């Protein structure tokens, strides 16, 4: 579900003001099963411990167009994620580049 090459951008969701490659499989899964999603995360505390928390339930809307369905529902999730990440940016990591513009900085061969 996550494109790895720049030309494979599938959903182009706005994430921190830039088009981003983010997976949307969990949105389809939630919609197909009638489930809601929650974002779970841990936040470091001043005493060195982590506080684990989660978002309120995130329900997804159904749109006729499959691409619009993924994009608009994914935007609900990333809007919440941005708030969490801004609070502790050093605690966030992705295993694949999120923004296509950084591919050329990481591995020029990914641009092919």
PDB file of N, CA and C in Angstrom:
ATOM      1  N   UNK A   1       0.817  -1.197   0.000  1.00  0.00           N
ATOM      2  CA  UNK A   1       0.000   0.000   0.000  1.00  0.00           C
ATOM      3  C   UNK A   1       0.857   1.255   0.000  1.00  0.00           C
ATOM      4  N   UNK A   2       2.083   1.165   0.496  1.00  0.00           N
ATOM      5  CA  UNK A   2       2.929   2.355   0.513  1.00  0.00           C
ATOM      6  C   UNK A   2       3.814   2.376  -0.729  1.00  0.00           C
ATOM      7  N   UNK A   3       3.708   3.424  -1.549  1.00  0.00           N
ATOM      8  CA  UNK A   3       4.602   3.527  -2.704  1.00  0.00           C
ATOM      9  C   UNK A   3       6.036   3.777  -2.236  1.00  0.00           C
ATOM     10  N   UNK A   4       6.987   3.187  -2.922  1.00  0.00           N
ATOM     11  CA  UNK A   4       8.376   3.376  -2.547  1.00  0.00           C
ATOM     12  C   UNK A   4       9.091   4.267  -3.556  1.00  0.00           C
ATOM     13  N   UNK A   5       8.678   4.247  -4.792  1.00  0.00           N
ATOM     14  CA  UNK A   5       9.307   5.086  -5.809  1.00  0.00           C
ATOM     15  C   UNK A   5       8.477   6.362  -6.006  1.00  0.00           C
ATOM     16  N   UNK A   6       9.168   7.438  -6.387  1.00  0.00           N
ATOM     17  CA  UNK A   6       8.511   8.731  -6.541  1.00  0.00           C
ATOM     18  C   UNK A   6       7.331   8.672  -7.495  1.00  0.00           C
ATOM     19  N   UNK A   7       7.464   7.976  -8.602  1.00  0.00           N
ATOM     20  CA  UNK A   7       6.396   7.903  -9.586  1.00  0.00           C
ATOM     21  C   UNK A   7       5.203   7.086  -9.140  1.00  0.00           C
ATOM     22  N   UNK A   8       5.327   6.402  -8.013  1.00  0.00           N
ATOM     23  CA  UNK A   8       4.250   5.542  -7.530  1.00  0.00           C
ATOM     24  C   UNK A   8       3.333   6.223  -6.521  1.00  0.00           C
ATOM     25  N   UNK A   9       3.415   7.548  -6.394  1.00  0.00           N
ATOM     26  CA  UNK A   9       2.573   8.257  -5.436  1.00  0.00           C
ATOM     27  C   UNK A   9       1.124   7.926  -5.722  1.00  0.00           C
ATOM     28  N   UNK A  10       0.463   7.300  -4.757  1.00  0.00           N
ATOM     29  CA  UNK A  10      -0.887   6.816  -4.984  1.00  0.00           C
ATOM     30  C   UNK A  10      -1.944   7.774  -4.454  1.00  0.00           C
ATOM     31  N   UNK A  11      -1.782   8.248  -3.234  1.00  0.00           N
ATOM     32  CA  UNK A  11      -2.837   9.051  -2.626  1.00  0.00           C
ATOM     33  C   UNK A  11      -2.471  10.497  -2.363  1.00  0.00           C
ATOM     34  N   UNK A  12      -1.236  10.872  -2.370  1.00  0.00           N
ATOM     35  CA  UNK A  12      -0.844  12.264  -2.239  1.00  0.00           C
ATOM     36  C   UNK A  12      -1.588  13.049  -1.175  1.00  0.00           C
ATOM     37  N   UNK A  13      -1.505  12.608   0.047  1.00  0.00           N
ATOM     38  CA  UNK A  13      -2.196  13.262   1.154  1.00  0.00           C
ATOM     39  C   UNK A  13      -1.331  14.382   1.713  1.00  0.00           C
ATOM     40  N   UNK A  14      -1.958  15.485   2.106  1.00  0.00           N
ATOM     41  CA  UNK A  14      -1.236  16.595   2.710  1.00  0.00           C
ATOM     42  C   UNK A  14      -0.813  16.221   4.123  1.00  0.00           C
ATOM     43  N   UNK A  15       0.500  16.209   4.354  1.00  0.00           N
ATOM     44  CA  UNK A  15       1.060  15.850   5.660  1.00  0.00           C
ATOM     45  C   UNK A  15       2.138  16.870   5.979  1.00  0.00           C
ATOM     46  N   UNK A  16       1.930  17.692   6.978  1.00  0.00           N
ATOM     47  CA  UNK A  16       2.815  18.796   7.319  1.00  0.00           C
ATOM     48  C   UNK A  16       3.039  19.717   6.123  1.00  0.00           C
ATOM     49  N   UNK A  17       2.001  19.954   5.348  1.00  0.00           N
ATOM     50  CA  UNK A  17       2.072  20.907   4.247  1.00  0.00           C
ATOM     51  C   UNK A  17       2.676  20.393   2.957  1.00  0.00           C
ATOM     52  N   UNK A  18       2.981  19.100   2.876  1.00  0.00           N
ATOM     53  CA  UNK A  18       3.571  18.528   1.663  1.00  0.00           C
ATOM     54  C   UNK A  18       2.826  17.253   1.285  1.00  0.00           C
ATOM     55  N   UNK A  19       2.788  16.973  -0.016  1.00  0.00           N
ATOM     56  CA  UNK A  19       2.193  15.704  -0.454  1.00  0.00           C
ATOM     57  C   UNK A  19       3.030  14.557   0.071  1.00  0.00           C
ATOM     58  N   UNK A  20       2.361  13.577   0.639  1.00  0.00           N
ATOM     59  CA  UNK A  20       3.087  12.487   1.286  1.00  0.00           C
ATOM     60  C   UNK A  20       2.574  11.126   0.839  1.00  0.00           C
ATOM     61  N   UNK A  21       3.489  10.165   0.857  1.00  0.00           N
ATOM     62  CA  UNK A  21       3.153   8.763   0.597  1.00  0.00           C
ATOM     63  C   UNK A  21       2.849   8.103   1.930  1.00  0.00           C
ATOM     64  N   UNK A  22       1.597   7.861   2.200  1.00  0.00           N
ATOM     65  CA  UNK A  22       1.202   7.222   3.454  1.00  0.00           C
ATOM     66  C   UNK A  22       0.249   6.071   3.165  1.00  0.00           C
ATOM     67  N   UNK A  23       0.328   5.018   3.949  1.00  0.00           N
ATOM     68  CA  UNK A  23      -0.566   3.877   3.715  1.00  0.00           C
ATOM     69  C   UNK A  23      -2.010   4.205   4.101  1.00  0.00           C
ATOM     70  N   UNK A  24      -2.940   3.592   3.402  1.00  0.00           N
ATOM     71  CA  UNK A  24      -4.369   3.804   3.682  1.00  0.00           C
ATOM     72  C   UNK A  24      -5.098   2.476   3.870  1.00  0.00           C
ATOM     73  N   UNK A  25      -4.354   1.368   3.951  1.00  0.00           N
ATOM     74  CA  UNK A  25      -5.004   0.062   4.043  1.00  0.00           C
ATOM     75  C   UNK A  25      -5.901  -0.033   5.264  1.00  0.00           C
ATOM     76  N   UNK A  26      -5.517   0.584   6.374  1.00  0.00           N
ATOM     77  CA  UNK A  26      -6.312   0.475   7.598  1.00  0.00           C
ATOM     78  C   UNK A  26      -7.653   1.192   7.464  1.00  0.00           C
ATOM     79  N   UNK A  27      -7.722   2.174   6.605  1.00  0.00           N
ATOM     80  CA  UNK A  27      -8.998   2.856   6.374  1.00  0.00           C
ATOM     81  C   UNK A  27      -9.948   1.916   5.646  1.00  0.00           C
ATOM     82  N   UNK A  28      -9.444   1.273   4.593  1.00  0.00           N
ATOM     83  CA  UNK A  28     -10.289   0.307   3.867  1.00  0.00           C
ATOM     84  C   UNK A  28     -10.709  -0.840   4.776  1.00  0.00           C
ATOM     85  N   UNK A  29      -9.779  -1.331   5.584  1.00  0.00           N
ATOM     86  CA  UNK A  29     -10.084  -2.424   6.497  1.00  0.00           C
ATOM     87  C   UNK A  29     -11.164  -2.010   7.505  1.00  0.00           C
ATOM     88  N   UNK A  30     -11.024  -0.831   8.077  1.00  0.00           N
ATOM     89  CA  UNK A  30     -12.026  -0.348   9.034  1.00  0.00           C
ATOM     90  C   UNK A  30     -13.388  -0.193   8.365  1.00  0.00           C
ATOM     91  N   UNK A  31     -13.402   0.356   7.166  1.00  0.00           N
ATOM     92  CA  UNK A  31     -14.672   0.539   6.469  1.00  0.00           C
ATOM     93  C   UNK A  31     -15.319  -0.800   6.123  1.00  0.00           C
ATOM     94  N   UNK A  32     -14.516  -1.748   5.678  1.00  0.00           N
ATOM     95  CA  UNK A  32     -15.071  -3.055   5.299  1.00  0.00           C
ATOM     96  C   UNK A  32     -15.610  -3.830   6.492  1.00  0.00           C
ATOM     97  N   UNK A  33     -15.046  -3.574   7.664  1.00  0.00           N
ATOM     98  CA  UNK A  33     -15.485  -4.313   8.851  1.00  0.00           C
ATOM     99  C   UNK A  33     -16.399  -3.503   9.762  1.00  0.00           C
ATOM    100  N   UNK A  34     -16.615  -2.227   9.432  1.00  0.00           N
ATOM    101  CA  UNK A  34     -17.465  -1.373  10.256  1.00  0.00           C
ATOM    102  C   UNK A  34     -16.767  -0.894  11.526  1.00  0.00           C
ATOM    103  N   UNK A  35     -15.455  -1.003  11.566  1.00  0.00           N
ATOM    104  CA  UNK A  35     -14.691  -0.599  12.756  1.00  0.00           C
ATOM    105  C   UNK A  35     -14.332   0.885  12.696  1.00  0.00           C
ATOM    106  N   UNK A  36     -13.953   1.419  13.830  1.00  0.00           N
ATOM    107  CA  UNK A  36     -13.373   2.755  13.901  1.00  0.00           C
ATOM    108  C   UNK A  36     -11.893   2.584  14.211  1.00  0.00           C
ATOM    109  N   UNK A  37     -11.136   3.637  14.035  1.00  0.00           N
ATOM    110  CA  UNK A  37      -9.700   3.578  14.302  1.00  0.00           C
ATOM    111  C   UNK A  37      -9.364   4.474  15.488  1.00  0.00           C
ATOM    112  N   UNK A  38      -8.277   4.170  16.128  1.00  0.00           N
ATOM    113  CA  UNK A  38      -7.696   5.021  17.171  1.00  0.00           C
ATOM    114  C   UNK A  38      -6.204   5.105  16.902  1.00  0.00           C
ATOM    115  N   UNK A  39      -5.632   6.218  17.233  1.00  0.00           N
ATOM    116  CA  UNK A  39      -4.191   6.375  17.116  1.00  0.00           C
ATOM    117  C   UNK A  39      -3.614   6.195  18.514  1.00  0.00           C
ATOM    118  N   UNK A  40      -2.788   5.188  18.678  1.00  0.00           N
ATOM    119  CA  UNK A  40      -2.150   4.932  19.964  1.00  0.00           C
ATOM    120  C   UNK A  40      -0.710   5.432  19.902  1.00  0.00           C
ATOM    121  N   UNK A  41      -0.249   5.999  21.000  1.00  0.00           N
ATOM    122  CA  UNK A  41       1.099   6.547  21.017  1.00  0.00           C
ATOM    123  C   UNK A  41       1.612   6.634  22.451  1.00  0.00           C
ATOM    124  N   UNK A  42       2.925   6.731  22.583  1.00  0.00           N
ATOM    125  CA  UNK A  42       3.563   6.934  23.874  1.00  0.00           C
ATOM    126  C   UNK A  42       4.254   8.281  23.878  1.00  0.00           C
ATOM    127  N   UNK A  43       4.153   8.992  25.003  1.00  0.00           N
ATOM    128  CA  UNK A  43       4.801  10.294  25.146  1.00  0.00           C
ATOM    129  C   UNK A  43       5.756  10.244  26.329  1.00  0.00           C
ATOM    130  N   UNK A  44       6.994  10.694  26.121  1.00  0.00           N
ATOM    131  CA  UNK A  44       7.942  10.703  27.240  1.00  0.00           C
ATOM    132  C   UNK A  44       7.521  11.744  28.287  1.00  0.00           C
ATOM    133  N   UNK A  45       7.764  11.409  29.519  1.00  0.00           N
ATOM    134  CA  UNK A  45       7.439  12.312  30.625  1.00  0.00           C
ATOM    135  C   UNK A  45       8.735  12.830  31.248  1.00  0.00           C
ATOM    136  N   UNK A  46       8.642  13.879  32.019  1.00  0.00           N
ATOM    137  CA  UNK A  46       9.828  14.478  32.641  1.00  0.00           C
ATOM    138  C   UNK A  46      10.557  13.506  33.568  1.00  0.00           C
ATOM    139  N   UNK A  47       9.821  12.559  34.150  1.00  0.00           N
ATOM    140  CA  UNK A  47      10.450  11.600  35.069  1.00  0.00           C
ATOM    141  C   UNK A  47      11.091  10.421  34.335  1.00  0.00           C
ATOM    142  N   UNK A  48      11.118  10.472  32.987  1.00  0.00           N
ATOM    143  CA  UNK A  48      11.748   9.419  32.198  1.00  0.00           C
ATOM    144  C   UNK A  48      10.817   8.287  31.817  1.00  0.00           C
ATOM    145  N   UNK A  49       9.615   8.285  32.316  1.00  0.00           N
ATOM    146  CA  UNK A  49       8.638   7.256  31.968  1.00  0.00           C
ATOM    147  C   UNK A  49       7.851   7.689  30.739  1.00  0.00           C
ATOM    148  N   UNK A  50       7.139   6.726  30.170  1.00  0.00           N
ATOM    149  CA  UNK A  50       6.279   7.021  29.031  1.00  0.00           C
ATOM    150  C   UNK A  50       4.820   6.957  29.465  1.00  0.00           C
ATOM    151  N   UNK A  51       4.039   7.880  28.954  1.00  0.00           N
ATOM    152  CA  UNK A  51       2.597   7.854  29.154  1.00  0.00           C
ATOM    153  C   UNK A  51       1.992   7.387  27.839  1.00  0.00           C
ATOM    154  N   UNK A  52       1.238   6.320  27.885  1.00  0.00           N
ATOM    155  CA  UNK A  52       0.586   5.820  26.685  1.00  0.00           C
ATOM    156  C   UNK A  52      -0.830   6.355  26.633  1.00  0.00           C
ATOM    157  N   UNK A  53      -1.232   6.754  25.447  1.00  0.00           N
ATOM    158  CA  UNK A  53      -2.551   7.351  25.266  1.00  0.00           C
ATOM    159  C   UNK A  53      -3.063   6.969  23.883  1.00  0.00           C
ATOM    160  N   UNK A  54      -4.291   7.317  23.617  1.00  0.00           N
ATOM    161  CA  UNK A  54      -4.838   7.096  22.276  1.00  0.00           C
ATOM    162  C   UNK A  54      -5.878   8.165  21.972  1.00  0.00           C
ATOM    163  N   UNK A  55      -6.147   8.309  20.714  1.00  0.00           N
ATOM    164  CA  UNK A  55      -7.127   9.295  20.261  1.00  0.00           C
ATOM    165  C   UNK A  55      -8.538   8.819  20.572  1.00  0.00           C
ATOM    166  N   UNK A  56      -9.462   9.718  20.423  1.00  0.00           N
ATOM    167  CA  UNK A  56     -10.870   9.331  20.432  1.00  0.00           C
ATOM    168  C   UNK A  56     -11.101   8.473  19.190  1.00  0.00           C
ATOM    169  N   UNK A  57     -12.165   7.711  19.129  1.00  0.00           N
ATOM    170  CA  UNK A  57     -12.436   6.916  17.927  1.00  0.00           C
ATOM    171  C   UNK A  57     -12.526   7.806  16.688  1.00  0.00           C
ATOM    172  N   UNK A  58     -11.935   7.341  15.615  1.00  0.00           N
ATOM    173  CA  UNK A  58     -11.977   8.063  14.345  1.00  0.00           C
ATOM    174  C   UNK A  58     -12.841   7.243  13.395  1.00  0.00           C
ATOM    175  N   UNK A  59     -13.987   7.762  13.065  1.00  0.00           N
ATOM    176  CA  UNK A  59     -14.871   7.098  12.116  1.00  0.00           C
ATOM    177  C   UNK A  59     -14.578   7.601  10.709  1.00  0.00           C
ATOM    178  N   UNK A  60     -14.813   6.773   9.738  1.00  0.00           N
ATOM    179  CA  UNK A  60     -14.514   7.138   8.361  1.00  0.00           C
ATOM    180  C   UNK A  60     -15.798   7.269   7.554  1.00  0.00           C
ATOM    181  N   UNK A  61     -15.789   8.230   6.635  1.00  0.00           N
ATOM    182  CA  UNK A  61     -16.916   8.462   5.734  1.00  0.00           C
ATOM    183  C   UNK A  61     -16.731   7.605   4.479  1.00  0.00           C
ATOM    184  N   UNK A  62     -17.808   7.322   3.802  1.00  0.00           N
ATOM    185  CA  UNK A  62     -17.735   6.586   2.535  1.00  0.00           C
ATOM    186  C   UNK A  62     -17.969   7.542   1.382  1.00  0.00           C
ATOM    187  N   UNK A  63     -17.017   7.582   0.463  1.00  0.00           N
ATOM    188  CA  UNK A  63     -17.109   8.402  -0.731  1.00  0.00           C
ATOM    189  C   UNK A  63     -17.154   7.485  -1.935  1.00  0.00           C
ATOM    190  N   UNK A  64     -17.853   7.891  -2.967  1.00  0.00           N
ATOM    191  CA  UNK A  64     -18.017   7.059  -4.165  1.00  0.00           C
ATOM    192  C   UNK A  64     -16.684   6.742  -4.835  1.00  0.00           C
ATOM    193  N   UNK A  65     -15.856   7.773  -5.000  1.00  0.00           N
ATOM    194  CA  UNK A  65     -14.577   7.600  -5.680  1.00  0.00           C
ATOM    195  C   UNK A  65     -13.566   6.962  -4.723  1.00  0.00           C
ATOM    196  N   UNK A  66     -12.969   5.824  -5.085  1.00  0.00           N
ATOM    197  CA  UNK A  66     -12.032   5.138  -4.185  1.00  0.00           C
ATOM    198  C   UNK A  66     -10.835   5.997  -3.773  1.00  0.00           C
ATOM    199  N   UNK A  67     -10.305   6.788  -4.699  1.00  0.00           N
ATOM    200  CA  UNK A  67      -9.164   7.639  -4.347  1.00  0.00           C
ATOM    201  C   UNK A  67      -9.591   8.718  -3.362  1.00  0.00           C
ATOM    202  N   UNK A  68     -10.714   9.353  -3.615  1.00  0.00           N
ATOM    203  CA  UNK A  68     -11.221  10.374  -2.692  1.00  0.00           C
ATOM    204  C   UNK A  68     -11.505   9.753  -1.325  1.00  0.00           C
ATOM    205  N   UNK A  69     -12.040   8.556  -1.330  1.00  0.00           N
ATOM    206  CA  UNK A  69     -12.335   7.847  -0.089  1.00  0.00           C
ATOM    207  C   UNK A  69     -11.065   7.689   0.748  1.00  0.00           C
ATOM    208  N   UNK A  70      -9.993   7.248   0.127  1.00  0.00           N
ATOM    209  CA  UNK A  70      -8.731   7.066   0.848  1.00  0.00           C
ATOM    210  C   UNK A  70      -8.137   8.400   1.280  1.00  0.00           C
ATOM    211  N   UNK A  71      -8.095   9.365   0.383  1.00  0.00           N
ATOM    212  CA  UNK A  71      -7.460  10.650   0.678  1.00  0.00           C
ATOM    213  C   UNK A  71      -8.183  11.387   1.798  1.00  0.00           C
ATOM    214  N   UNK A  72      -9.479  11.542   1.678  1.00  0.00           N
ATOM    215  CA  UNK A  72     -10.222  12.337   2.669  1.00  0.00           C
ATOM    216  C   UNK A  72     -10.228  11.678   4.043  1.00  0.00           C
ATOM    217  N   UNK A  73     -10.325  10.365   4.070  1.00  0.00           N
ATOM    218  CA  UNK A  73     -10.309   9.680   5.361  1.00  0.00           C
ATOM    219  C   UNK A  73      -8.909   9.644   5.962  1.00  0.00           C
ATOM    220  N   UNK A  74      -7.906   9.512   5.117  1.00  0.00           N
ATOM    221  CA  UNK A  74      -6.530   9.534   5.605  1.00  0.00           C
ATOM    222  C   UNK A  74      -6.183  10.910   6.174  1.00  0.00           C
ATOM    223  N   UNK A  75      -6.744  11.950   5.583  1.00  0.00           N
ATOM    224  CA  UNK A  75      -6.506  13.296   6.094  1.00  0.00           C
ATOM    225  C   UNK A  75      -7.046  13.455   7.523  1.00  0.00           C
ATOM    226  N   UNK A  76      -8.111  12.750   7.850  1.00  0.00           N
ATOM    227  CA  UNK A  76      -8.609  12.782   9.234  1.00  0.00           C
ATOM    228  C   UNK A  76      -7.552  12.257  10.203  1.00  0.00           C
ATOM    229  N   UNK A  77      -6.866  11.209   9.792  1.00  0.00           N
ATOM    230  CA  UNK A  77      -5.855  10.593  10.638  1.00  0.00           C
ATOM    231  C   UNK A  77      -4.604  11.464  10.722  1.00  0.00           C
ATOM    232  N   UNK A  78      -4.104  11.940   9.593  1.00  0.00           N
ATOM    233  CA  UNK A  78      -2.847  12.693   9.627  1.00  0.00           C
ATOM    234  C   UNK A  78      -3.002  14.038  10.333  1.00  0.00           C
ATOM    235  N   UNK A  79      -4.174  14.619  10.315  1.00  0.00           N
ATOM    236  CA  UNK A  79      -4.396  15.862  11.060  1.00  0.00           C
ATOM    237  C   UNK A  79      -4.143  15.628  12.547  1.00  0.00           C
ATOM    238  N   UNK A  80      -4.625  14.505  13.056  1.00  0.00           N
ATOM    239  CA  UNK A  80      -4.382  14.158  14.457  1.00  0.00           C
ATOM    240  C   UNK A  80      -2.911  13.803  14.676  1.00  0.00           C
ATOM    241  N   UNK A  81      -2.324  13.048  13.751  1.00  0.00           N
ATOM    242  CA  UNK A  81      -0.914  12.667  13.871  1.00  0.00           C
ATOM    243  C   UNK A  81       0.009  13.881  13.933  1.00  0.00           C
ATOM    244  N   UNK A  82      -0.279  14.884  13.136  1.00  0.00           N
ATOM    245  CA  UNK A  82       0.560  16.083  13.126  1.00  0.00           C
ATOM    246  C   UNK A  82       0.632  16.706  14.521  1.00  0.00           C
ATOM    247  N   UNK A  83      -0.478  16.746  15.240  1.00  0.00           N
ATOM    248  CA  UNK A  83      -0.493  17.315  16.595  1.00  0.00           C
ATOM    249  C   UNK A  83       0.400  16.502  17.529  1.00  0.00           C
ATOM    250  N   UNK A  84       0.320  15.187  17.439  1.00  0.00           N
ATOM    251  CA  UNK A  84       1.136  14.320  18.293  1.00  0.00           C
ATOM    252  C   UNK A  84       2.617  14.491  17.969  1.00  0.00           C
ATOM    253  N   UNK A  85       2.945  14.480  16.696  1.00  0.00           N
ATOM    254  CA  UNK A  85       4.341  14.578  16.260  1.00  0.00           C
ATOM    255  C   UNK A  85       4.928  15.936  16.618  1.00  0.00           C
ATOM    256  N   UNK A  86       4.156  16.997  16.452  1.00  0.00           N
ATOM    257  CA  UNK A  86       4.648  18.336  16.802  1.00  0.00           C
ATOM    258  C   UNK A  86       4.992  18.426  18.301  1.00  0.00           C
ATOM    259  N   UNK A  87       4.265  17.715  19.128  1.00  0.00           N
ATOM    260  CA  UNK A  87       4.515  17.748  20.569  1.00  0.00           C
ATOM    261  C   UNK A  87       5.856  17.107  20.930  1.00  0.00           C
ATOM    262  N   UNK A  88       6.260  16.066  20.201  1.00  0.00           N
ATOM    263  CA  UNK A  88       7.531  15.361  20.467  1.00  0.00           C
ATOM    264  C   UNK A  88       8.146  14.878  19.151  1.00  0.00           C
ATOM    265  N   UNK A  89       8.642  15.790  18.320  1.00  0.00           N
ATOM    266  CA  UNK A  89       9.136  15.381  16.994  1.00  0.00           C
ATOM    267  C   UNK A  89      10.297  14.391  17.032  1.00  0.00           C
ATOM    268  N   UNK A  90      11.111  14.411  18.068  1.00  0.00           N
ATOM    269  CA  UNK A  90      12.246  13.488  18.146  1.00  0.00           C
ATOM    270  C   UNK A  90      11.806  12.048  18.398  1.00  0.00           C
ATOM    271  N   UNK A  91      10.566  11.842  18.769  1.00  0.00           N
ATOM    272  CA  UNK A  91      10.067  10.504  19.077  1.00  0.00           C
ATOM    273  C   UNK A  91       9.429   9.832  17.863  1.00  0.00           C
ATOM    274  N   UNK A  92       9.417  10.482  16.721  1.00  0.00           N
ATOM    275  CA  UNK A  92       8.744   9.972  15.536  1.00  0.00           C
ATOM    276  C   UNK A  92       9.759   9.439  14.535  1.00  0.00           C
ATOM    277  N   UNK A  93       9.442   8.312  13.919  1.00  0.00           N
ATOM    278  CA  UNK A  93      10.306   7.748  12.883  1.00  0.00           C
ATOM    279  C   UNK A  93       9.452   6.988  11.879  1.00  0.00           C
ATOM    280  N   UNK A  94       9.889   7.019  10.627  1.00  0.00           N
ATOM    281  CA  UNK A  94       9.248   6.231   9.566  1.00  0.00           C
ATOM    282  C   UNK A  94      10.339   5.398   8.918  1.00  0.00           C
ATOM    283  N   UNK A  95       9.994   4.190   8.520  1.00  0.00           N
ATOM    284  CA  UNK A  95      10.984   3.295   7.911  1.00  0.00           C
ATOM    285  C   UNK A  95      11.146   3.522   6.417  1.00  0.00           C
ATOM    286  N   UNK A  96      10.198   4.204   5.815  1.00  0.00           N
ATOM    287  CA  UNK A  96      10.271   4.563   4.397  1.00  0.00           C
ATOM    288  C   UNK A  96      10.099   6.069   4.289  1.00  0.00           C
ATOM    289  N   UNK A  97      10.702   6.699   3.286  1.00  0.00           N
ATOM    290  CA  UNK A  97      10.492   8.138   3.115  1.00  0.00           C
ATOM    291  C   UNK A  97       8.994   8.437   2.952  1.00  0.00           C
ATOM    292  N   UNK A  98       8.554   9.506   3.568  1.00  0.00           N
ATOM    293  CA  UNK A  98       7.148   9.902   3.513  1.00  0.00           C
ATOM    294  C   UNK A  98       6.925  10.912   2.402  1.00  0.00           C
ATOM    295  N   UNK A  99       7.879  11.816   2.211  1.00  0.00           N
ATOM    296  CA  UNK A  99       7.736  12.868   1.212  1.00  0.00           C
ATOM    297  C   UNK A  99       8.595  12.534  -0.002  1.00  0.00           C
ATOM    298  N   UNK A 100       8.015  12.492  -1.192  1.00  0.00           N
ATOM    299  CA  UNK A 100       8.768  12.125  -2.396  1.00  0.00           C
ATOM    300  C   UNK A 100       9.995  12.985  -2.642  1.00  0.00           C
ATOM    301  N   UNK A 101       9.973  14.239  -2.215  1.00  0.00           N
ATOM    302  CA  UNK A 101      11.108  15.134  -2.450  1.00  0.00           C
ATOM    303  C   UNK A 101      12.398  14.658  -1.785  1.00  0.00           C
ATOM    304  N   UNK A 102      12.302  13.841  -0.748  1.00  0.00           N
ATOM    305  CA  UNK A 102      13.519  13.410  -0.058  1.00  0.00           C
ATOM    306  C   UNK A 102      14.161  12.179  -0.690  1.00  0.00           C
ATOM    307  N   UNK A 103      13.480  11.528  -1.621  1.00  0.00           N
ATOM    308  CA  UNK A 103      14.059  10.334  -2.243  1.00  0.00           C
ATOM    309  C   UNK A 103      15.429  10.621  -2.846  1.00  0.00           C
ATOM    310  N   UNK A 104      15.546  11.729  -3.556  1.00  0.00           N
ATOM    311  CA  UNK A 104      16.811  12.038  -4.218  1.00  0.00           C
ATOM    312  C   UNK A 104      17.933  12.285  -3.202  1.00  0.00           C
ATOM    313  N   UNK A 105      17.594  12.674  -2.000  1.00  0.00           N
ATOM    314  CA  UNK A 105      18.594  12.874  -0.954  1.00  0.00           C
ATOM    315  C   UNK A 105      19.034  11.564  -0.317  1.00  0.00           C
ATOM    316  N   UNK A 106      18.160  10.562  -0.362  1.00  0.00           N
ATOM    317  CA  UNK A 106      18.425   9.290   0.298  1.00  0.00           C
ATOM    318  C   UNK A 106      19.044   8.287  -0.667  1.00  0.00           C
ATOM    319  N   UNK A 107      18.399   8.097  -1.836  1.00  0.00           N
ATOM    320  CA  UNK A 107      18.866   7.098  -2.799  1.00  0.00           C
ATOM    321  C   UNK A 107      18.387   7.484  -4.188  1.00  0.00           C
ATOM    322  N   UNK A 108      19.265   8.039  -5.005  1.00  0.00           N
ATOM    323  CA  UNK A 108      18.884   8.467  -6.361  1.00  0.00           C
ATOM    324  C   UNK A 108      18.267   7.348  -7.201  1.00  0.00           C
ATOM    325  N   UNK A 109      18.606   6.087  -6.920  1.00  0.00           N
ATOM    326  CA  UNK A 109      18.071   4.980  -7.694  1.00  0.00           C
ATOM    327  C   UNK A 109      16.559   4.825  -7.497  1.00  0.00           C
ATOM    328  N   UNK A 110      16.028   5.345  -6.407  1.00  0.00           N
ATOM    329  CA  UNK A 110      14.584   5.263  -6.162  1.00  0.00           C
ATOM    330  C   UNK A 110      13.797   6.150  -7.126  1.00  0.00           C
ATOM    331  N   UNK A 111      14.474   7.076  -7.796  1.00  0.00           N
ATOM    332  CA  UNK A 111      13.788   7.968  -8.723  1.00  0.00           C
ATOM    333  C   UNK A 111      13.479   7.300 -10.049  1.00  0.00           C
ATOM    334  N   UNK A 112      14.031   6.136 -10.306  1.00  0.00           N
ATOM    335  CA  UNK A 112      13.811   5.455 -11.588  1.00  0.00           C
ATOM    336  C   UNK A 112      12.460   4.820 -11.638  1.00  0.00           C
TER     337      UNK A 112
END
